[in-house]
Amino acid sequence: MKTMTAVWESDGNRPFRAASVAICVAEEYRKKTKNKKNTKPLAACFDIDETLLRNSEYYGRESEDEYSVQKCGKMLYGYCAKNNIAIFLVTARRKSNQAKEYVKRQLSDLGYDLSKVKGLYMTSMEFDHLEDAGAAFKKEARAKICENYTIIINAGDRWTDVASDEAARELEKNHESNIYIGIVPNENGIVQGVKFPEFD
């Protein structure tokens, strides 16, 4: 397996700077492979909570149905939508029709163009026996997406959103959790990971 390396960091209060760096990396890869034959189409994977929207800051309030835009996530999503990069949402939220509709409502409320989403992956019961069901589920979802796409942006607020377990644990030891970090991931088929700040 490839080695994973952190290549840039940005303060958690500077979402636009972090997004700009990640977009530069994606754009360089996109241009480099644009006219090459036998290349897979490009995709982006986004976690939802604390990546496309922020909701942990509202926990414990009278109304827990509050959320706001995660600015870095919105900028990355907009870049992908504008450039016809397939967008996949990969979340640890439990799979159900009601949960799917709630995700759609939240993201639509925040101005996300859902017509650009090629797939929504939500955790199912088959992962419940695992210690970190969300991490295992997301890794499997990324692998499925990589069968047909090259992921040029893989974004999430947990280390296991952007890396396999062992590499995630190692990087977590050496980096703060409240900053943006760009990584060269250790999973095949993924160009870059963007680790978002953890707020909960």
N, C-alpha and C. Protein backbone atom coordinates (compact mmCIF):
# COMPACT_ATOMS: atom_id res chain seq x y z
N MET A 1 0.84 -1.19 0.00
CA MET A 1 0.00 0.00 0.00
C MET A 1 0.88 1.25 0.00
N LYS A 2 0.42 2.30 -0.66
CA LYS A 2 1.17 3.54 -0.72
C LYS A 2 1.29 4.19 0.65
N THR A 3 2.33 5.02 0.80
CA THR A 3 2.50 5.78 2.03
C THR A 3 1.66 7.05 1.93
N MET A 4 1.07 7.44 3.04
CA MET A 4 0.26 8.66 3.05
C MET A 4 1.08 9.79 3.67
N THR A 5 1.00 10.97 3.05
CA THR A 5 1.79 12.11 3.50
C THR A 5 0.92 13.35 3.56
N ALA A 6 1.07 14.12 4.62
CA ALA A 6 0.43 15.43 4.70
C ALA A 6 1.31 16.42 3.93
N VAL A 7 0.71 17.18 3.02
CA VAL A 7 1.52 18.07 2.17
C VAL A 7 1.22 19.56 2.38
N TRP A 8 0.09 19.89 2.99
CA TRP A 8 -0.18 21.29 3.31
C TRP A 8 -1.16 21.37 4.47
N GLU A 9 -1.11 22.52 5.15
CA GLU A 9 -2.01 22.79 6.26
C GLU A 9 -2.55 24.20 6.14
N SER A 10 -3.75 24.41 6.64
CA SER A 10 -4.34 25.74 6.66
C SER A 10 -5.18 25.88 7.92
N ASP A 11 -5.11 27.04 8.54
CA ASP A 11 -5.87 27.32 9.75
C ASP A 11 -7.35 27.02 9.54
N GLY A 12 -7.98 26.49 10.58
CA GLY A 12 -9.40 26.15 10.50
C GLY A 12 -10.31 27.32 10.25
N ASN A 13 -9.81 28.54 10.47
CA ASN A 13 -10.60 29.74 10.23
C ASN A 13 -10.38 30.32 8.84
N ARG A 14 -9.67 29.57 7.97
CA ARG A 14 -9.39 30.06 6.62
C ARG A 14 -9.89 29.06 5.57
N PRO A 15 -11.22 28.87 5.49
CA PRO A 15 -11.75 27.85 4.58
C PRO A 15 -11.48 28.14 3.11
N PHE A 16 -11.46 29.41 2.72
CA PHE A 16 -11.27 29.73 1.32
C PHE A 16 -9.84 29.44 0.87
N ARG A 17 -8.89 29.67 1.77
CA ARG A 17 -7.50 29.34 1.44
C ARG A 17 -7.35 27.83 1.25
N ALA A 18 -7.91 27.07 2.16
CA ALA A 18 -7.83 25.61 2.05
C ALA A 18 -8.47 25.12 0.76
N ALA A 19 -9.65 25.65 0.44
CA ALA A 19 -10.33 25.24 -0.79
C ALA A 19 -9.51 25.61 -2.02
N SER A 20 -8.90 26.78 -2.00
CA SER A 20 -8.10 27.23 -3.14
C SER A 20 -6.92 26.31 -3.40
N VAL A 21 -6.25 25.89 -2.34
CA VAL A 21 -5.11 24.97 -2.50
C VAL A 21 -5.59 23.63 -3.06
N ALA A 22 -6.67 23.09 -2.50
CA ALA A 22 -7.20 21.81 -2.97
C ALA A 22 -7.65 21.89 -4.42
N ILE A 23 -8.25 23.00 -4.81
CA ILE A 23 -8.69 23.19 -6.19
C ILE A 23 -7.49 23.26 -7.13
N CYS A 24 -6.43 23.91 -6.71
CA CYS A 24 -5.21 23.97 -7.54
C CYS A 24 -4.66 22.58 -7.81
N VAL A 25 -4.65 21.73 -6.79
CA VAL A 25 -4.16 20.35 -6.95
C VAL A 25 -5.07 19.60 -7.92
N ALA A 26 -6.38 19.72 -7.74
CA ALA A 26 -7.34 19.04 -8.61
C ALA A 26 -7.24 19.53 -10.04
N GLU A 27 -7.10 20.83 -10.20
CA GLU A 27 -7.04 21.43 -11.54
C GLU A 27 -5.77 21.00 -12.28
N GLU A 28 -4.68 20.93 -11.56
CA GLU A 28 -3.43 20.48 -12.19
C GLU A 28 -3.57 19.06 -12.71
N TYR A 29 -4.18 18.18 -11.90
CA TYR A 29 -4.39 16.80 -12.33
C TYR A 29 -5.37 16.74 -13.50
N ARG A 30 -6.43 17.53 -13.42
CA ARG A 30 -7.46 17.53 -14.47
C ARG A 30 -6.87 17.94 -15.81
N LYS A 31 -6.05 18.99 -15.80
CA LYS A 31 -5.43 19.47 -17.04
C LYS A 31 -4.40 18.48 -17.58
N LYS A 32 -3.66 17.86 -16.68
CA LYS A 32 -2.62 16.91 -17.07
C LYS A 32 -3.21 15.68 -17.76
N THR A 33 -4.41 15.28 -17.35
CA THR A 33 -4.99 14.04 -17.89
C THR A 33 -6.10 14.30 -18.91
N LYS A 34 -6.37 15.55 -19.22
CA LYS A 34 -7.53 15.91 -20.05
C LYS A 34 -7.56 15.19 -21.39
N ASN A 35 -6.47 15.14 -22.11
CA ASN A 35 -6.47 14.54 -23.45
C ASN A 35 -5.82 13.17 -23.50
N LYS A 36 -5.57 12.58 -22.34
CA LYS A 36 -4.96 11.26 -22.32
C LYS A 36 -6.02 10.19 -22.55
N LYS A 37 -5.64 9.17 -23.30
CA LYS A 37 -6.56 8.05 -23.55
C LYS A 37 -6.53 7.09 -22.36
N ASN A 38 -7.56 6.31 -22.26
CA ASN A 38 -7.67 5.26 -21.23
C ASN A 38 -7.59 5.79 -19.80
N THR A 39 -8.07 7.01 -19.59
CA THR A 39 -8.13 7.53 -18.22
C THR A 39 -9.57 7.47 -17.74
N LYS A 40 -9.74 7.18 -16.47
CA LYS A 40 -11.08 7.11 -15.90
C LYS A 40 -11.65 8.52 -15.76
N PRO A 41 -12.98 8.65 -15.79
CA PRO A 41 -13.57 9.96 -15.51
C PRO A 41 -13.26 10.39 -14.08
N LEU A 42 -13.35 11.68 -13.84
CA LEU A 42 -12.97 12.24 -12.54
C LEU A 42 -14.18 12.33 -11.61
N ALA A 43 -13.89 12.18 -10.33
CA ALA A 43 -14.95 12.24 -9.32
C ALA A 43 -14.44 12.94 -8.07
N ALA A 44 -15.39 13.34 -7.23
CA ALA A 44 -15.08 13.88 -5.91
C ALA A 44 -15.98 13.18 -4.90
N CYS A 45 -15.42 12.89 -3.72
CA CYS A 45 -16.20 12.29 -2.63
C CYS A 45 -16.27 13.27 -1.48
N PHE A 46 -17.47 13.50 -0.99
CA PHE A 46 -17.66 14.41 0.13
C PHE A 46 -18.40 13.71 1.26
N ASP A 47 -17.84 13.82 2.46
CA ASP A 47 -18.60 13.54 3.66
C ASP A 47 -19.66 14.64 3.74
N ILE A 48 -20.64 14.52 4.60
CA ILE A 48 -21.69 15.55 4.69
C ILE A 48 -21.51 16.41 5.94
N ASP A 49 -21.61 15.79 7.12
CA ASP A 49 -21.58 16.56 8.37
C ASP A 49 -20.18 17.12 8.63
N GLU A 50 -20.12 18.41 8.85
CA GLU A 50 -18.88 19.18 9.07
C GLU A 50 -18.00 19.24 7.83
N THR A 51 -18.54 18.84 6.67
CA THR A 51 -17.80 18.91 5.41
C THR A 51 -18.57 19.72 4.38
N LEU A 52 -19.82 19.38 4.13
CA LEU A 52 -20.67 20.20 3.27
C LEU A 52 -21.56 21.11 4.11
N LEU A 53 -21.89 20.65 5.30
CA LEU A 53 -22.68 21.49 6.20
C LEU A 53 -22.11 21.37 7.61
N ARG A 54 -22.39 22.38 8.41
CA ARG A 54 -21.97 22.37 9.81
C ARG A 54 -23.21 22.22 10.67
N ASN A 55 -23.15 21.26 11.59
CA ASN A 55 -24.30 21.08 12.49
C ASN A 55 -23.89 20.78 13.93
N SER A 56 -22.63 20.40 14.17
CA SER A 56 -22.24 20.03 15.54
C SER A 56 -22.32 21.21 16.49
N GLU A 57 -22.12 22.43 15.98
CA GLU A 57 -22.18 23.61 16.85
C GLU A 57 -23.59 23.87 17.38
N TYR A 58 -24.59 23.22 16.77
CA TYR A 58 -25.98 23.43 17.19
C TYR A 58 -26.48 22.35 18.14
N TYR A 59 -25.67 21.31 18.39
CA TYR A 59 -26.11 20.23 19.27
C TYR A 59 -26.44 20.77 20.66
N GLY A 60 -27.50 20.24 21.24
CA GLY A 60 -27.88 20.65 22.58
C GLY A 60 -28.78 21.87 22.63
N ARG A 61 -29.03 22.48 21.50
CA ARG A 61 -29.94 23.63 21.48
C ARG A 61 -31.37 23.14 21.48
N GLU A 62 -32.27 24.08 21.67
CA GLU A 62 -33.68 23.73 21.73
C GLU A 62 -34.12 23.02 20.44
N SER A 63 -33.72 23.59 19.29
CA SER A 63 -34.00 22.95 18.01
C SER A 63 -32.70 22.36 17.48
N GLU A 64 -32.65 21.05 17.32
CA GLU A 64 -31.43 20.42 16.81
C GLU A 64 -31.45 20.33 15.30
N ASP A 65 -32.52 20.84 14.68
CA ASP A 65 -32.60 20.84 13.22
C ASP A 65 -32.04 22.15 12.67
N GLU A 66 -30.83 22.48 13.10
CA GLU A 66 -30.16 23.68 12.63
C GLU A 66 -28.85 23.29 11.97
N TYR A 67 -28.50 23.98 10.92
CA TYR A 67 -27.27 23.68 10.20
C TYR A 67 -26.92 24.90 9.35
N SER A 68 -25.65 24.97 8.95
CA SER A 68 -25.19 26.07 8.13
C SER A 68 -24.17 25.54 7.12
N VAL A 69 -23.81 26.36 6.16
CA VAL A 69 -22.87 25.97 5.12
C VAL A 69 -21.47 25.81 5.69
N GLN A 70 -20.78 24.78 5.27
CA GLN A 70 -19.34 24.67 5.53
C GLN A 70 -18.69 25.31 4.30
N LYS A 71 -18.05 26.45 4.48
CA LYS A 71 -17.63 27.27 3.34
C LYS A 71 -16.60 26.59 2.44
N CYS A 72 -15.65 25.89 3.02
CA CYS A 72 -14.66 25.19 2.21
C CYS A 72 -15.34 24.10 1.38
N GLY A 73 -16.23 23.35 2.02
CA GLY A 73 -16.95 22.29 1.32
C GLY A 73 -17.78 22.84 0.17
N LYS A 74 -18.44 23.97 0.41
CA LYS A 74 -19.28 24.57 -0.64
C LYS A 74 -18.43 25.00 -1.83
N MET A 75 -17.26 25.55 -1.56
CA MET A 75 -16.38 26.00 -2.64
C MET A 75 -15.86 24.81 -3.45
N LEU A 76 -15.45 23.75 -2.77
CA LEU A 76 -14.97 22.56 -3.48
C LEU A 76 -16.10 21.92 -4.29
N TYR A 77 -17.27 21.84 -3.70
CA TYR A 77 -18.43 21.26 -4.39
C TYR A 77 -18.75 22.08 -5.64
N GLY A 78 -18.73 23.41 -5.50
CA GLY A 78 -19.02 24.28 -6.64
C GLY A 78 -18.02 24.11 -7.76
N TYR A 79 -16.76 23.96 -7.42
CA TYR A 79 -15.72 23.72 -8.42
C TYR A 79 -16.03 22.43 -9.19
N CYS A 80 -16.37 21.38 -8.46
CA CYS A 80 -16.66 20.09 -9.10
C CYS A 80 -17.90 20.17 -9.98
N ALA A 81 -18.94 20.81 -9.49
CA ALA A 81 -20.18 20.94 -10.26
C ALA A 81 -19.93 21.72 -11.55
N LYS A 82 -19.18 22.80 -11.45
CA LYS A 82 -18.90 23.65 -12.61
C LYS A 82 -18.08 22.92 -13.67
N ASN A 83 -17.21 22.01 -13.24
CA ASN A 83 -16.31 21.33 -14.17
C ASN A 83 -16.74 19.90 -14.50
N ASN A 84 -18.00 19.59 -14.24
CA ASN A 84 -18.58 18.29 -14.57
C ASN A 84 -17.78 17.12 -13.98
N ILE A 85 -17.32 17.31 -12.77
CA ILE A 85 -16.66 16.24 -12.02
C ILE A 85 -17.74 15.52 -11.23
N ALA A 86 -17.85 14.23 -11.40
CA ALA A 86 -18.91 13.45 -10.74
C ALA A 86 -18.79 13.60 -9.22
N ILE A 87 -19.91 13.88 -8.58
CA ILE A 87 -19.92 14.09 -7.13
C ILE A 87 -20.61 12.91 -6.44
N PHE A 88 -19.92 12.38 -5.44
CA PHE A 88 -20.47 11.31 -4.61
C PHE A 88 -20.49 11.77 -3.16
N LEU A 89 -21.58 11.51 -2.49
CA LEU A 89 -21.71 11.83 -1.06
C LEU A 89 -21.58 10.52 -0.28
N VAL A 90 -20.64 10.50 0.66
CA VAL A 90 -20.37 9.29 1.43
C VAL A 90 -20.46 9.65 2.90
N THR A 91 -21.52 9.18 3.56
CA THR A 91 -21.79 9.59 4.93
C THR A 91 -22.01 8.39 5.85
N ALA A 92 -21.68 8.58 7.12
CA ALA A 92 -21.92 7.53 8.12
C ALA A 92 -23.36 7.57 8.63
N ARG A 93 -24.16 8.50 8.12
CA ARG A 93 -25.57 8.51 8.52
C ARG A 93 -26.22 7.19 8.09
N ARG A 94 -27.15 6.71 8.91
CA ARG A 94 -27.82 5.44 8.66
C ARG A 94 -28.72 5.53 7.42
N LYS A 95 -28.62 4.52 6.59
CA LYS A 95 -29.39 4.47 5.35
C LYS A 95 -30.87 4.22 5.62
N SER A 96 -31.72 5.11 5.09
CA SER A 96 -33.17 4.93 5.10
C SER A 96 -33.73 5.95 4.13
N ASN A 97 -34.94 5.73 3.67
CA ASN A 97 -35.56 6.69 2.76
C ASN A 97 -35.74 8.05 3.43
N GLN A 98 -36.13 8.02 4.69
CA GLN A 98 -36.32 9.26 5.43
C GLN A 98 -35.00 10.03 5.58
N ALA A 99 -33.93 9.30 5.91
CA ALA A 99 -32.61 9.94 6.06
C ALA A 99 -32.12 10.51 4.74
N LYS A 100 -32.38 9.80 3.66
CA LYS A 100 -31.98 10.27 2.33
C LYS A 100 -32.70 11.57 1.98
N GLU A 101 -33.99 11.62 2.25
CA GLU A 101 -34.75 12.84 1.96
C GLU A 101 -34.31 14.00 2.84
N TYR A 102 -33.94 13.70 4.08
CA TYR A 102 -33.47 14.74 4.99
C TYR A 102 -32.14 15.33 4.50
N VAL A 103 -31.24 14.47 4.05
CA VAL A 103 -29.97 14.95 3.48
C VAL A 103 -30.25 15.87 2.30
N LYS A 104 -31.12 15.44 1.42
CA LYS A 104 -31.45 16.25 0.24
C LYS A 104 -32.01 17.61 0.65
N ARG A 105 -32.90 17.60 1.64
CA ARG A 105 -33.49 18.87 2.08
C ARG A 105 -32.44 19.79 2.68
N GLN A 106 -31.58 19.23 3.54
CA GLN A 106 -30.54 20.06 4.15
C GLN A 106 -29.64 20.71 3.10
N LEU A 107 -29.15 19.89 2.17
CA LEU A 107 -28.22 20.41 1.18
C LEU A 107 -28.90 21.38 0.21
N SER A 108 -30.13 21.08 -0.15
CA SER A 108 -30.89 22.01 -1.02
C SER A 108 -31.11 23.34 -0.31
N ASP A 109 -31.45 23.29 0.98
CA ASP A 109 -31.63 24.52 1.76
C ASP A 109 -30.39 25.40 1.73
N LEU A 110 -29.21 24.77 1.64
CA LEU A 110 -27.94 25.49 1.69
C LEU A 110 -27.41 25.84 0.29
N GLY A 111 -28.22 25.57 -0.73
CA GLY A 111 -27.86 26.00 -2.09
C GLY A 111 -27.01 25.04 -2.89
N TYR A 112 -26.92 23.78 -2.47
CA TYR A 112 -26.16 22.80 -3.24
C TYR A 112 -27.00 22.30 -4.41
N ASP A 113 -26.39 22.24 -5.59
CA ASP A 113 -27.06 21.74 -6.79
C ASP A 113 -26.98 20.21 -6.78
N LEU A 114 -28.04 19.56 -6.38
CA LEU A 114 -28.03 18.10 -6.22
C LEU A 114 -28.12 17.36 -7.55
N SER A 115 -28.38 18.07 -8.63
CA SER A 115 -28.43 17.42 -9.95
C SER A 115 -27.04 16.92 -10.35
N LYS A 116 -26.01 17.41 -9.68
CA LYS A 116 -24.63 17.01 -9.99
C LYS A 116 -24.19 15.78 -9.20
N VAL A 117 -25.03 15.31 -8.28
CA VAL A 117 -24.67 14.16 -7.44
C VAL A 117 -24.94 12.86 -8.19
N LYS A 118 -23.89 12.04 -8.33
CA LYS A 118 -24.01 10.76 -9.03
C LYS A 118 -24.38 9.62 -8.09
N GLY A 119 -24.12 9.80 -6.80
CA GLY A 119 -24.45 8.74 -5.86
C GLY A 119 -24.39 9.21 -4.42
N LEU A 120 -25.27 8.64 -3.60
CA LEU A 120 -25.29 8.92 -2.16
C LEU A 120 -25.11 7.59 -1.44
N TYR A 121 -24.01 7.47 -0.71
CA TYR A 121 -23.69 6.26 0.04
C TYR A 121 -23.96 6.52 1.52
N MET A 122 -24.83 5.71 2.12
CA MET A 122 -25.17 5.83 3.54
C MET A 122 -24.95 4.49 4.22
N THR A 123 -24.49 4.52 5.46
CA THR A 123 -24.12 3.30 6.19
C THR A 123 -25.31 2.36 6.38
N SER A 124 -25.07 1.09 6.16
CA SER A 124 -26.12 0.08 6.34
C SER A 124 -25.81 -0.80 7.56
N MET A 125 -26.77 -1.63 7.95
CA MET A 125 -26.65 -2.47 9.15
C MET A 125 -25.52 -3.48 9.05
N GLU A 126 -25.12 -3.85 7.85
CA GLU A 126 -24.09 -4.89 7.71
C GLU A 126 -22.75 -4.48 8.32
N PHE A 127 -22.57 -3.21 8.64
CA PHE A 127 -21.32 -2.74 9.24
C PHE A 127 -21.42 -2.58 10.77
N ASP A 128 -22.59 -2.85 11.33
CA ASP A 128 -22.83 -2.58 12.76
C ASP A 128 -21.91 -3.35 13.70
N HIS A 129 -21.44 -4.51 13.31
CA HIS A 129 -20.60 -5.33 14.20
C HIS A 129 -19.18 -4.78 14.32
N LEU A 130 -18.82 -3.83 13.49
CA LEU A 130 -17.45 -3.30 13.49
C LEU A 130 -17.30 -2.17 14.50
N GLU A 131 -16.09 -2.04 15.04
CA GLU A 131 -15.82 -1.00 16.04
C GLU A 131 -16.06 0.39 15.48
N ASP A 132 -15.56 0.66 14.28
CA ASP A 132 -15.80 1.95 13.62
C ASP A 132 -16.51 1.68 12.30
N ALA A 133 -17.82 1.48 12.41
CA ALA A 133 -18.63 1.11 11.25
C ALA A 133 -18.54 2.16 10.15
N GLY A 134 -18.56 3.43 10.53
CA GLY A 134 -18.51 4.50 9.54
C GLY A 134 -17.23 4.48 8.73
N ALA A 135 -16.10 4.27 9.40
CA ALA A 135 -14.81 4.24 8.71
C ALA A 135 -14.74 3.08 7.72
N ALA A 136 -15.18 1.89 8.16
CA ALA A 136 -15.14 0.72 7.29
C ALA A 136 -16.06 0.90 6.08
N PHE A 137 -17.26 1.43 6.35
CA PHE A 137 -18.20 1.66 5.28
C PHE A 137 -17.66 2.65 4.26
N LYS A 138 -17.09 3.75 4.73
CA LYS A 138 -16.59 4.79 3.82
C LYS A 138 -15.42 4.28 2.98
N LYS A 139 -14.55 3.49 3.60
CA LYS A 139 -13.42 2.94 2.84
C LYS A 139 -13.94 2.05 1.71
N GLU A 140 -14.92 1.21 2.01
CA GLU A 140 -15.50 0.33 0.99
C GLU A 140 -16.19 1.14 -0.11
N ALA A 141 -16.91 2.19 0.28
CA ALA A 141 -17.58 3.04 -0.71
C ALA A 141 -16.57 3.70 -1.64
N ARG A 142 -15.47 4.20 -1.08
CA ARG A 142 -14.43 4.82 -1.91
C ARG A 142 -13.86 3.82 -2.91
N ALA A 143 -13.62 2.60 -2.44
CA ALA A 143 -13.08 1.56 -3.32
C ALA A 143 -14.04 1.27 -4.47
N LYS A 144 -15.33 1.24 -4.19
CA LYS A 144 -16.33 1.00 -5.24
C LYS A 144 -16.32 2.13 -6.26
N ILE A 145 -16.25 3.34 -5.78
CA ILE A 145 -16.22 4.50 -6.69
C ILE A 145 -14.97 4.46 -7.55
N CYS A 146 -13.84 4.07 -6.97
CA CYS A 146 -12.57 4.03 -7.70
C CYS A 146 -12.53 2.94 -8.78
N GLU A 147 -13.48 2.03 -8.76
CA GLU A 147 -13.54 1.03 -9.83
C GLU A 147 -13.82 1.70 -11.17
N ASN A 148 -14.56 2.80 -11.14
CA ASN A 148 -14.96 3.48 -12.38
C ASN A 148 -14.48 4.91 -12.52
N TYR A 149 -13.93 5.47 -11.46
CA TYR A 149 -13.53 6.88 -11.45
C TYR A 149 -12.16 7.04 -10.80
N THR A 150 -11.51 8.17 -11.09
CA THR A 150 -10.37 8.63 -10.31
C THR A 150 -10.88 9.76 -9.43
N ILE A 151 -10.68 9.63 -8.14
CA ILE A 151 -11.16 10.63 -7.19
C ILE A 151 -10.09 11.71 -7.04
N ILE A 152 -10.42 12.93 -7.47
CA ILE A 152 -9.43 14.00 -7.38
C ILE A 152 -9.61 14.87 -6.14
N ILE A 153 -10.75 14.75 -5.49
CA ILE A 153 -10.96 15.40 -4.19
C ILE A 153 -11.72 14.41 -3.31
N ASN A 154 -11.15 14.08 -2.17
CA ASN A 154 -11.83 13.24 -1.19
C ASN A 154 -11.83 14.02 0.12
N ALA A 155 -12.98 14.54 0.53
CA ALA A 155 -13.04 15.49 1.65
C ALA A 155 -13.89 14.97 2.80
N GLY A 156 -13.37 15.19 4.02
CA GLY A 156 -14.11 14.82 5.21
C GLY A 156 -13.43 15.35 6.46
N ASP A 157 -14.17 15.37 7.58
CA ASP A 157 -13.62 15.96 8.80
C ASP A 157 -12.94 14.94 9.72
N ARG A 158 -13.08 13.67 9.46
CA ARG A 158 -12.42 12.63 10.25
C ARG A 158 -11.25 12.07 9.44
N TRP A 159 -10.20 11.67 10.14
CA TRP A 159 -9.06 11.10 9.43
C TRP A 159 -9.48 9.89 8.61
N THR A 160 -10.39 9.08 9.13
CA THR A 160 -10.81 7.89 8.40
C THR A 160 -11.72 8.22 7.21
N ASP A 161 -12.13 9.49 7.08
CA ASP A 161 -12.84 9.91 5.86
C ASP A 161 -11.89 10.01 4.68
N VAL A 162 -10.61 10.23 4.98
CA VAL A 162 -9.64 10.49 3.91
C VAL A 162 -8.48 9.50 3.87
N ALA A 163 -8.51 8.51 4.76
CA ALA A 163 -7.40 7.54 4.81
C ALA A 163 -7.85 6.24 5.43
N SER A 164 -7.07 5.19 5.19
CA SER A 164 -7.35 3.91 5.84
C SER A 164 -6.97 3.99 7.31
N ASP A 165 -7.44 3.05 8.10
CA ASP A 165 -7.32 3.12 9.56
C ASP A 165 -5.91 3.37 10.09
N GLU A 166 -4.95 2.53 9.69
CA GLU A 166 -3.60 2.64 10.26
C GLU A 166 -2.95 3.98 9.93
N ALA A 167 -3.03 4.39 8.68
CA ALA A 167 -2.45 5.67 8.28
C ALA A 167 -3.15 6.82 8.97
N ALA A 168 -4.47 6.69 9.15
CA ALA A 168 -5.24 7.74 9.82
C ALA A 168 -4.78 7.90 11.26
N ARG A 169 -4.58 6.80 11.95
CA ARG A 169 -4.13 6.86 13.35
C ARG A 169 -2.76 7.51 13.46
N GLU A 170 -1.88 7.20 12.53
CA GLU A 170 -0.53 7.75 12.55
C GLU A 170 -0.55 9.26 12.33
N LEU A 171 -1.30 9.71 11.35
CA LEU A 171 -1.37 11.15 11.06
C LEU A 171 -2.09 11.91 12.17
N GLU A 172 -3.07 11.27 12.76
CA GLU A 172 -3.82 11.92 13.85
C GLU A 172 -2.91 12.25 15.02
N LYS A 173 -1.92 11.40 15.27
CA LYS A 173 -0.97 11.64 16.36
C LYS A 173 -0.13 12.89 16.14
N ASN A 174 0.14 13.20 14.88
CA ASN A 174 1.10 14.26 14.55
C ASN A 174 0.49 15.56 14.05
N HIS A 175 -0.83 15.66 14.02
CA HIS A 175 -1.47 16.86 13.50
C HIS A 175 -2.64 17.29 14.40
N GLU A 176 -2.85 18.58 14.44
CA GLU A 176 -4.01 19.11 15.17
C GLU A 176 -5.29 18.71 14.46
N SER A 177 -6.37 18.67 15.21
CA SER A 177 -7.64 18.25 14.61
C SER A 177 -8.48 19.42 14.12
N ASN A 178 -8.08 20.66 14.46
CA ASN A 178 -8.93 21.81 14.13
C ASN A 178 -8.38 22.63 12.96
N ILE A 179 -7.64 21.97 12.05
CA ILE A 179 -7.12 22.65 10.87
C ILE A 179 -7.48 21.87 9.61
N TYR A 180 -7.31 22.52 8.47
CA TYR A 180 -7.44 21.84 7.19
C TYR A 180 -6.07 21.24 6.84
N ILE A 181 -6.07 20.01 6.33
CA ILE A 181 -4.82 19.36 5.96
C ILE A 181 -5.01 18.67 4.61
N GLY A 182 -4.12 18.94 3.68
CA GLY A 182 -4.13 18.25 2.39
C GLY A 182 -3.18 17.07 2.45
N ILE A 183 -3.62 15.93 1.96
CA ILE A 183 -2.79 14.73 2.01
C ILE A 183 -2.67 14.06 0.65
N VAL A 184 -1.56 13.39 0.46
CA VAL A 184 -1.42 12.43 -0.63
C VAL A 184 -1.85 11.11 0.00
N PRO A 185 -3.00 10.58 -0.42
CA PRO A 185 -3.57 9.42 0.29
C PRO A 185 -2.85 8.12 -0.02
N ASN A 186 -3.15 7.12 0.80
CA ASN A 186 -2.55 5.81 0.64
C ASN A 186 -3.49 4.82 -0.04
N GLU A 187 -4.58 5.30 -0.59
CA GLU A 187 -5.53 4.43 -1.30
C GLU A 187 -5.39 4.66 -2.80
N ASN A 188 -5.32 3.57 -3.55
CA ASN A 188 -5.19 3.69 -5.00
C ASN A 188 -6.43 4.35 -5.60
N GLY A 189 -6.20 5.16 -6.63
CA GLY A 189 -7.30 5.79 -7.35
C GLY A 189 -7.74 7.11 -6.76
N ILE A 190 -7.05 7.58 -5.71
CA ILE A 190 -7.41 8.86 -5.09
C ILE A 190 -6.22 9.81 -5.18
N VAL A 191 -6.42 10.96 -5.79
CA VAL A 191 -5.34 11.92 -6.02
C VAL A 191 -5.00 12.69 -4.74
N GLN A 192 -6.03 13.20 -4.05
CA GLN A 192 -5.77 13.97 -2.83
C GLN A 192 -6.91 13.80 -1.84
N GLY A 193 -6.55 13.89 -0.58
CA GLY A 193 -7.53 13.94 0.49
C GLY A 193 -7.48 15.32 1.12
N VAL A 194 -8.62 15.82 1.53
CA VAL A 194 -8.69 17.12 2.23
C VAL A 194 -9.36 16.87 3.57
N LYS A 195 -8.55 16.89 4.61
CA LYS A 195 -9.04 16.67 5.98
C LYS A 195 -9.54 18.00 6.53
N PHE A 196 -10.82 18.06 6.85
CA PHE A 196 -11.45 19.27 7.39
C PHE A 196 -11.26 19.31 8.91
N PRO A 197 -11.42 20.49 9.52
CA PRO A 197 -11.35 20.58 10.98
C PRO A 197 -12.48 19.78 11.65
N GLU A 198 -12.17 19.21 12.80
CA GLU A 198 -13.20 18.55 13.61
C GLU A 198 -13.67 19.54 14.67
N PHE A 199 -14.97 19.71 14.75
CA PHE A 199 -15.51 20.69 15.71
C PHE A 199 -16.30 20.03 16.82
N ASP A 200 -16.55 18.73 16.73
CA ASP A 200 -17.34 18.09 17.78
C ASP A 200 -16.51 17.13 18.60
